Each structure stands twice: as structure tokens, then as C-alpha cells.
């Protein structure tokens, strides 16, 4: 082996080592980019989960408001029925008084 062959083999070896180091570096860079992307996705998912929880809370509050309104409507309807009954009773008494007057 002469000096040129040794230099050629050495350069080839260094080229292979350099290529391997570049491959490892690129792999690590891809891993870092993937982790950063995963972090962004997780942040988005956390925001969506928070929004979903808020919407669920609002829906439950709306259901409770609806139940309260239904109770109030029931009370008003019962009051109207009682008022109609009173009016009917007063009309009956008024009719009796008119008959007595005649």
C-alpha cells in the first residue's frame, strides 16, 4: 500500500464517519421537530378540551335555566287557572245577584 491508497482509504473512512454523523444529526433534528410539533398539537388539544368543557358547562346551565323556567311557567299557569276559577265564581255570584234584583 502506498501513501495515496492510505490517504484514499482514510478519506473514504472519514467520509463514511461524516455521513453517519450527518445521519444521526438529521435524525435528532427530525426528532426535535416532531416533539415540537407534538407540543403544538397537545396545546391545541388542551385548548379544545377547555372549550368543550366550557360548552358542556353552559349546556348544563342552560338545562337548569330551562327547568327553572318550566317551574315558573307551571306556577303562572296554575295562577291563571285559579284566576279563571275566581272569575267564574264571581260571574256566578253576579248572575245570582242580578236574578235577585229582577
N, C-alpha and C. Protein backbone atom coordinates (compact mmCIF):
# COMPACT_ATOMS: atom_id res chain seq x y z
N UNK A 1 0.84 -1.17 0.00
CA UNK A 1 0.00 0.00 0.00
C UNK A 1 0.88 1.24 0.00
N UNK A 2 0.53 2.09 -0.88
CA UNK A 2 1.32 3.31 -0.92
C UNK A 2 0.56 4.41 -0.19
N UNK A 3 1.13 5.55 -0.13
CA UNK A 3 0.60 6.67 0.61
C UNK A 3 -0.75 7.12 0.04
N UNK A 4 -0.87 7.11 -1.28
CA UNK A 4 -2.13 7.54 -1.90
C UNK A 4 -3.28 6.61 -1.53
N UNK A 5 -3.00 5.31 -1.48
CA UNK A 5 -4.05 4.36 -1.10
C UNK A 5 -4.45 4.56 0.35
N UNK A 6 -3.49 4.79 1.19
CA UNK A 6 -3.78 5.03 2.61
C UNK A 6 -4.60 6.30 2.77
N UNK A 7 -4.20 7.34 2.05
CA UNK A 7 -4.96 8.61 2.11
C UNK A 7 -6.36 8.39 1.57
N UNK A 8 -6.50 7.64 0.47
CA UNK A 8 -7.82 7.36 -0.11
C UNK A 8 -8.69 6.59 0.84
N UNK A 9 -8.11 5.56 1.48
CA UNK A 9 -8.88 4.76 2.44
C UNK A 9 -9.26 5.63 3.64
N UNK A 10 -8.33 6.46 4.09
CA UNK A 10 -8.60 7.34 5.23
C UNK A 10 -9.72 8.32 4.89
N UNK A 11 -9.66 8.91 3.69
CA UNK A 11 -10.70 9.86 3.28
C UNK A 11 -12.05 9.15 3.15
N UNK A 12 -12.04 7.93 2.63
CA UNK A 12 -13.28 7.17 2.50
C UNK A 12 -13.85 6.88 3.89
N UNK A 13 -12.98 6.48 4.79
CA UNK A 13 -13.41 6.22 6.18
C UNK A 13 -13.95 7.47 6.83
N UNK A 14 -13.26 8.58 6.65
CA UNK A 14 -13.75 9.86 7.21
C UNK A 14 -15.07 10.26 6.57
N UNK A 15 -15.21 9.99 5.28
CA UNK A 15 -16.47 10.30 4.59
C UNK A 15 -17.62 9.48 5.14
N UNK A 16 -17.34 8.19 5.39
CA UNK A 16 -18.37 7.32 5.98
C UNK A 16 -18.75 7.77 7.39
N UNK A 17 -17.73 8.10 8.17
CA UNK A 17 -17.98 8.59 9.53
C UNK A 17 -18.76 9.91 9.49
N UNK A 18 -18.36 10.80 8.58
CA UNK A 18 -19.07 12.09 8.43
C UNK A 18 -20.51 11.87 8.01
N UNK A 19 -20.72 10.93 7.07
CA UNK A 19 -22.09 10.63 6.63
C UNK A 19 -22.93 10.07 7.77
N UNK A 20 -22.31 9.21 8.58
CA UNK A 20 -23.01 8.64 9.72
C UNK A 20 -23.37 9.73 10.73
N UNK A 21 -22.42 10.63 11.00
CA UNK A 21 -22.67 11.73 11.94
C UNK A 21 -23.78 12.63 11.40
N UNK A 22 -23.77 12.92 10.10
CA UNK A 22 -24.82 13.74 9.48
C UNK A 22 -26.18 13.04 9.62
N UNK A 23 -26.19 11.72 9.39
CA UNK A 23 -27.44 10.97 9.53
C UNK A 23 -27.98 11.07 10.96
N UNK A 24 -27.13 10.89 11.94
CA UNK A 24 -27.53 10.99 13.35
C UNK A 24 -28.03 12.39 13.66
N UNK A 25 -27.31 13.39 13.16
CA UNK A 25 -27.71 14.79 13.40
C UNK A 25 -29.09 15.06 12.79
N UNK A 26 -29.29 14.64 11.55
CA UNK A 26 -30.60 14.84 10.90
C UNK A 26 -31.70 14.08 11.63
N UNK A 27 -31.39 12.89 12.10
CA UNK A 27 -32.37 12.10 12.85
C UNK A 27 -32.76 12.82 14.14
N UNK A 28 -31.78 13.35 14.85
CA UNK A 28 -32.05 14.09 16.08
C UNK A 28 -32.85 15.36 15.78
N UNK A 29 -32.52 16.02 14.68
CA UNK A 29 -33.23 17.23 14.29
C UNK A 29 -34.70 16.89 13.99
N UNK A 30 -34.92 15.77 13.26
CA UNK A 30 -36.29 15.34 12.98
C UNK A 30 -37.03 15.02 14.27
N UNK A 31 -36.35 14.38 15.20
CA UNK A 31 -36.98 14.05 16.48
C UNK A 31 -37.37 15.35 17.22
N UNK A 32 -36.48 16.34 17.21
CA UNK A 32 -36.77 17.61 17.88
C UNK A 32 -37.96 18.30 17.21
N UNK A 33 -37.97 18.30 15.87
CA UNK A 33 -39.10 18.91 15.16
C UNK A 33 -40.39 18.17 15.45
N UNK A 34 -40.33 16.85 15.52
CA UNK A 34 -41.51 16.05 15.82
C UNK A 34 -42.02 16.35 17.23
N UNK A 35 -41.10 16.48 18.18
CA UNK A 35 -41.50 16.80 19.55
C UNK A 35 -42.12 18.19 19.62
N UNK A 36 -41.56 19.14 18.90
CA UNK A 36 -42.13 20.49 18.87
C UNK A 36 -43.53 20.46 18.26
N UNK A 37 -43.68 19.70 17.18
CA UNK A 37 -45.00 19.57 16.54
C UNK A 37 -45.99 18.91 17.49
N UNK A 38 -45.56 17.86 18.18
CA UNK A 38 -46.42 17.20 19.15
C UNK A 38 -46.82 18.16 20.26
N UNK A 39 -45.89 19.01 20.69
CA UNK A 39 -46.19 20.01 21.71
C UNK A 39 -47.26 20.98 21.23
N UNK A 40 -47.15 21.42 19.99
CA UNK A 40 -48.15 22.34 19.43
C UNK A 40 -49.51 21.66 19.35
N UNK A 41 -49.51 20.40 18.90
CA UNK A 41 -50.77 19.65 18.79
C UNK A 41 -51.39 19.47 20.17
N UNK A 42 -50.58 19.15 21.16
CA UNK A 42 -51.10 18.96 22.52
C UNK A 42 -51.68 20.26 23.06
N UNK A 43 -51.03 21.38 22.76
CA UNK A 43 -51.54 22.68 23.20
C UNK A 43 -52.90 22.95 22.56
N UNK A 44 -53.02 22.65 21.28
CA UNK A 44 -54.30 22.84 20.58
C UNK A 44 -55.37 21.93 21.18
N UNK A 45 -55.00 20.67 21.43
CA UNK A 45 -55.96 19.73 22.02
C UNK A 45 -56.39 20.17 23.42
N UNK A 46 -55.45 20.72 24.19
CA UNK A 46 -55.80 21.22 25.52
C UNK A 46 -56.78 22.39 25.43
N UNK A 47 -56.55 23.29 24.46
CA UNK A 47 -57.47 24.41 24.27
C UNK A 47 -58.85 23.91 23.86
N UNK A 48 -58.87 22.92 22.95
CA UNK A 48 -60.16 22.36 22.52
C UNK A 48 -60.88 21.68 23.67
N UNK A 49 -60.14 21.00 24.51
CA UNK A 49 -60.75 20.34 25.66
C UNK A 49 -61.33 21.38 26.62
N UNK A 50 -60.60 22.46 26.84
CA UNK A 50 -61.10 23.53 27.71
C UNK A 50 -62.37 24.15 27.12
N UNK A 51 -62.38 24.38 25.80
CA UNK A 51 -63.57 24.93 25.16
C UNK A 51 -64.73 23.96 25.26
N UNK A 52 -64.46 22.68 25.08
CA UNK A 52 -65.50 21.67 25.18
C UNK A 52 -66.08 21.64 26.60
N UNK A 53 -65.21 21.70 27.60
CA UNK A 53 -65.68 21.71 28.99
C UNK A 53 -66.54 22.94 29.27
N UNK A 54 -66.14 24.09 28.73
CA UNK A 54 -66.92 25.31 28.91
C UNK A 54 -68.29 25.18 28.25
N UNK A 55 -68.32 24.61 27.04
CA UNK A 55 -69.60 24.41 26.35
C UNK A 55 -70.49 23.45 27.13
N UNK A 56 -69.92 22.39 27.66
CA UNK A 56 -70.70 21.45 28.47
C UNK A 56 -71.26 22.14 29.71
N UNK A 57 -70.46 22.99 30.32
CA UNK A 57 -70.93 23.73 31.50
C UNK A 57 -72.09 24.65 31.12
N UNK A 58 -71.95 25.33 29.97
CA UNK A 58 -73.01 26.23 29.52
C UNK A 58 -74.28 25.46 29.18
N UNK A 59 -74.13 24.28 28.58
CA UNK A 59 -75.31 23.46 28.25
C UNK A 59 -76.01 23.05 29.53
N UNK A 60 -75.24 22.62 30.53
CA UNK A 60 -75.85 22.21 31.80
C UNK A 60 -76.53 23.40 32.48
N UNK A 61 -75.91 24.56 32.42
CA UNK A 61 -76.53 25.76 32.99
C UNK A 61 -77.81 26.10 32.24
N UNK A 62 -77.79 25.93 30.92
CA UNK A 62 -78.98 26.18 30.11
C UNK A 62 -80.10 25.21 30.48
N UNK A 63 -79.75 23.95 30.70
CA UNK A 63 -80.76 22.97 31.11
C UNK A 63 -81.37 23.36 32.46
N UNK A 64 -80.52 23.81 33.37
CA UNK A 64 -81.01 24.23 34.69
C UNK A 64 -81.92 25.45 34.55
N UNK A 65 -81.52 26.40 33.70
CA UNK A 65 -82.38 27.56 33.44
C UNK A 65 -83.72 27.13 32.87
N UNK A 66 -83.68 26.16 31.98
CA UNK A 66 -84.92 25.66 31.37
C UNK A 66 -85.83 25.03 32.43
N UNK A 67 -85.25 24.25 33.33
CA UNK A 67 -86.04 23.64 34.40
C UNK A 67 -86.67 24.72 35.29
N UNK A 68 -85.90 25.76 35.58
CA UNK A 68 -86.41 26.85 36.40
C UNK A 68 -87.56 27.56 35.68
N UNK A 69 -87.36 27.82 34.39
CA UNK A 69 -88.42 28.47 33.61
C UNK A 69 -89.68 27.59 33.54
N UNK A 70 -89.49 26.29 33.37
CA UNK A 70 -90.64 25.39 33.33
C UNK A 70 -91.41 25.43 34.65
N UNK A 71 -90.69 25.50 35.76
CA UNK A 71 -91.36 25.61 37.07
C UNK A 71 -92.14 26.92 37.16
N UNK A 72 -91.52 28.00 36.72
CA UNK A 72 -92.19 29.30 36.78
C UNK A 72 -93.42 29.31 35.87
N UNK A 73 -93.29 28.72 34.69
CA UNK A 73 -94.43 28.65 33.77
C UNK A 73 -95.56 27.85 34.41
N UNK A 74 -95.22 26.76 35.08
CA UNK A 74 -96.22 25.95 35.78
C UNK A 74 -96.93 26.76 36.84
N UNK A 75 -96.20 27.55 37.59
CA UNK A 75 -96.80 28.40 38.63
C UNK A 75 -97.73 29.43 38.00
N UNK A 76 -97.29 30.06 36.91
CA UNK A 76 -98.13 31.06 36.23
C UNK A 76 -99.39 30.40 35.67
N UNK A 77 -99.25 29.21 35.07
CA UNK A 77 -100.43 28.52 34.54
C UNK A 77 -101.42 28.19 35.66
N UNK A 78 -100.91 27.73 36.80
CA UNK A 78 -101.78 27.43 37.94
C UNK A 78 -102.46 28.70 38.44
N UNK A 79 -101.72 29.78 38.47
CA UNK A 79 -102.30 31.06 38.89
C UNK A 79 -103.40 31.50 37.94
N UNK A 80 -103.18 31.30 36.64
CA UNK A 80 -104.20 31.66 35.64
C UNK A 80 -105.45 30.81 35.84
N UNK A 81 -105.26 29.51 36.10
CA UNK A 81 -106.41 28.64 36.35
C UNK A 81 -107.19 29.12 37.57
N UNK A 82 -106.47 29.47 38.63
CA UNK A 82 -107.15 29.95 39.84
C UNK A 82 -107.88 31.27 39.56
N UNK A 83 -107.26 32.13 38.80
CA UNK A 83 -107.89 33.41 38.46
C UNK A 83 -109.16 33.16 37.65
N UNK A 84 -109.11 32.23 36.69
CA UNK A 84 -110.30 31.91 35.91
C UNK A 84 -111.40 31.33 36.80
N UNK A 85 -110.99 30.50 37.74
CA UNK A 85 -111.98 29.95 38.67
C UNK A 85 -112.62 31.05 39.49
N UNK A 86 -111.84 31.99 39.97
CA UNK A 86 -112.37 33.11 40.75
C UNK A 86 -113.31 33.96 39.89
N UNK A 87 -112.89 34.20 38.67
CA UNK A 87 -113.74 34.99 37.76
C UNK A 87 -115.06 34.27 37.52
N UNK A 88 -114.97 32.93 37.27
CA UNK A 88 -116.19 32.16 37.07
C UNK A 88 -117.09 32.22 38.30
N UNK A 89 -116.48 32.08 39.50
CA UNK A 89 -117.27 32.17 40.74
C UNK A 89 -117.91 33.56 40.88
N UNK A 90 -117.13 34.59 40.59
CA UNK A 90 -117.68 35.95 40.69
C UNK A 90 -118.79 36.16 39.66
N UNK A 91 -118.62 35.62 38.46
CA UNK A 91 -119.67 35.74 37.45
C UNK A 91 -120.95 35.03 37.90
N UNK A 92 -120.76 33.87 38.50
CA UNK A 92 -121.92 33.13 39.01
C UNK A 92 -122.62 33.94 40.09
N UNK A 93 -121.87 34.48 41.03
CA UNK A 93 -122.45 35.31 42.10
C UNK A 93 -123.12 36.54 41.52
N UNK A 94 -122.50 37.13 40.51
CA UNK A 94 -123.07 38.31 39.88
C UNK A 94 -124.39 37.97 39.19
N UNK A 95 -124.41 36.82 38.50
CA UNK A 95 -125.66 36.38 37.86
C UNK A 95 -126.75 36.15 38.89
N UNK A 96 -126.42 35.56 40.04
CA UNK A 96 -127.41 35.32 41.10
C UNK A 96 -127.93 36.64 41.65
N UNK A 97 -127.00 37.59 41.83
CA UNK A 97 -127.44 38.89 42.32
C UNK A 97 -128.35 39.59 41.30
N UNK A 98 -128.06 39.46 40.05
CA UNK A 98 -128.90 40.07 39.01
C UNK A 98 -130.30 39.44 39.03
N UNK A 99 -130.33 38.11 39.22
CA UNK A 99 -131.64 37.43 39.29
C UNK A 99 -132.43 37.91 40.49
N UNK A 100 -131.76 38.10 41.62
CA UNK A 100 -132.44 38.58 42.83
C UNK A 100 -132.98 39.98 42.61
N UNK A 101 -132.17 40.80 41.91
CA UNK A 101 -132.59 42.18 41.67
C UNK A 101 -133.78 42.23 40.76
N UNK A 102 -133.89 41.34 39.81
CA UNK A 102 -135.00 41.35 38.85
C UNK A 102 -136.20 40.92 39.52
